[in-house]
Amino acid sequence: MTGKRDRDTIVWPGERKPSHSRVFPNELVEKARTVFQKRTSRKLTNEDARQMLENLTGFFRVLHEWDRAQRKSERNSRGDDAEAEN
């Protein structure tokens, strides 16, 4: 077998690195796991906690983007109105 894997090769769960965009410090992941564990009966892993942190970060990133877009739109509206009055 060569070093390449074809589409039909089975990749077992610990064989591949998770594909995520951000690296959270282990201490933060552990703390998040402790916090989230209190809210579920299922045993959470550090990967579960990392994904939850990723989701929370993404959620707040979207809220921030919406807020910036709204503020920009409001500034543009006020600018357009001020130009129309002159």
Protein backbone atom coordinates (compact mmCIF):
# COMPACT_ATOMS: atom_id res chain seq x y z
CA MET A 1 0.00 0.00 0.00
CA THR A 2 1.31 3.43 -0.87
CA GLY A 3 1.13 6.41 1.48
CA LYS A 4 -1.93 7.73 -0.37
CA ARG A 5 -5.48 6.88 0.62
CA ASP A 6 -8.17 6.42 -1.95
CA ARG A 7 -11.84 7.27 -1.48
CA ASP A 8 -12.77 3.76 -0.37
CA THR A 9 -10.17 3.51 2.40
CA ILE A 10 -11.62 3.53 5.89
CA VAL A 11 -10.30 6.31 8.11
CA TRP A 12 -10.88 5.53 11.75
CA PRO A 13 -11.81 8.36 14.15
CA GLY A 14 -8.45 9.07 15.84
CA GLU A 15 -6.47 8.75 12.60
CA ARG A 16 -7.14 12.17 11.19
CA LYS A 17 -6.66 15.58 12.67
CA PRO A 18 -9.85 17.54 13.21
CA SER A 19 -10.24 20.24 10.60
CA HIS A 20 -10.92 23.44 12.47
CA SER A 21 -9.78 26.97 11.99
CA ARG A 22 -8.86 28.00 15.51
CA VAL A 23 -6.66 26.60 18.25
CA PHE A 24 -7.99 27.08 21.76
CA PRO A 25 -5.65 26.67 24.73
CA ASN A 26 -6.10 23.33 26.50
CA GLU A 27 -6.94 25.14 29.75
CA LEU A 28 -9.85 26.95 28.06
CA VAL A 29 -11.13 23.72 26.47
CA GLU A 30 -11.03 21.95 29.86
CA LYS A 31 -12.88 24.83 31.54
CA ALA A 32 -15.49 24.86 28.77
CA ARG A 33 -15.93 21.10 29.10
CA THR A 34 -16.50 21.50 32.84
CA VAL A 35 -19.07 24.27 32.29
CA PHE A 36 -20.95 22.46 29.51
CA GLN A 37 -20.80 19.10 31.29
CA LYS A 38 -23.09 20.49 34.01
CA ARG A 39 -25.80 20.92 31.35
CA THR A 40 -25.87 17.42 29.89
CA SER A 41 -25.90 13.81 31.04
CA ARG A 42 -23.73 12.70 28.11
CA LYS A 43 -20.00 12.49 28.85
CA LEU A 44 -18.35 15.30 26.92
CA THR A 45 -14.91 15.03 25.40
CA ASN A 46 -12.41 17.83 24.92
CA GLU A 47 -13.26 17.73 21.21
CA ASP A 48 -16.95 18.28 22.08
CA ALA A 49 -15.95 21.28 24.20
CA ARG A 50 -13.67 22.61 21.45
CA GLN A 51 -16.53 22.39 18.95
CA MET A 52 -18.84 24.20 21.37
CA LEU A 53 -16.26 26.97 21.74
CA GLU A 54 -15.93 27.15 17.96
CA ASN A 55 -19.72 27.44 17.61
CA LEU A 56 -19.97 30.14 20.29
CA THR A 57 -17.13 32.10 18.72
CA GLY A 58 -18.76 31.84 15.31
CA PHE A 59 -22.12 32.94 16.72
CA PHE A 60 -20.66 36.07 18.28
CA ARG A 61 -18.61 36.76 15.14
CA VAL A 62 -21.84 36.78 13.09
CA LEU A 63 -23.54 39.08 15.61
CA HIS A 64 -20.57 41.44 15.42
CA GLU A 65 -20.64 41.42 11.61
CA TRP A 66 -24.38 42.18 11.60
CA ASP A 67 -23.88 45.03 14.06
CA ARG A 68 -21.07 46.52 11.96
CA ALA A 69 -23.14 46.23 8.78
CA GLN A 70 -26.14 47.87 10.46
CA ARG A 71 -24.02 50.73 11.82
CA LYS A 72 -22.43 51.25 8.40
CA SER A 73 -25.87 51.28 6.78
CA GLU A 74 -27.13 53.81 9.33
CA ARG A 75 -24.08 56.04 8.73
CA ASN A 76 -24.61 55.84 4.98
CA SER A 77 -28.30 56.69 5.40
CA ARG A 78 -27.51 59.72 7.51
CA GLY A 79 -24.84 60.78 5.02
CA ASP A 80 -27.22 60.39 2.09
CA ASP A 81 -29.93 62.36 3.93
CA ALA A 82 -27.47 65.15 4.81
CA GLU A 83 -26.35 65.41 1.16
CA ALA A 84 -29.98 65.47 -0.05
CA GLU A 85 -30.77 68.44 2.23
CA ASN A 86 -27.90 70.57 0.82
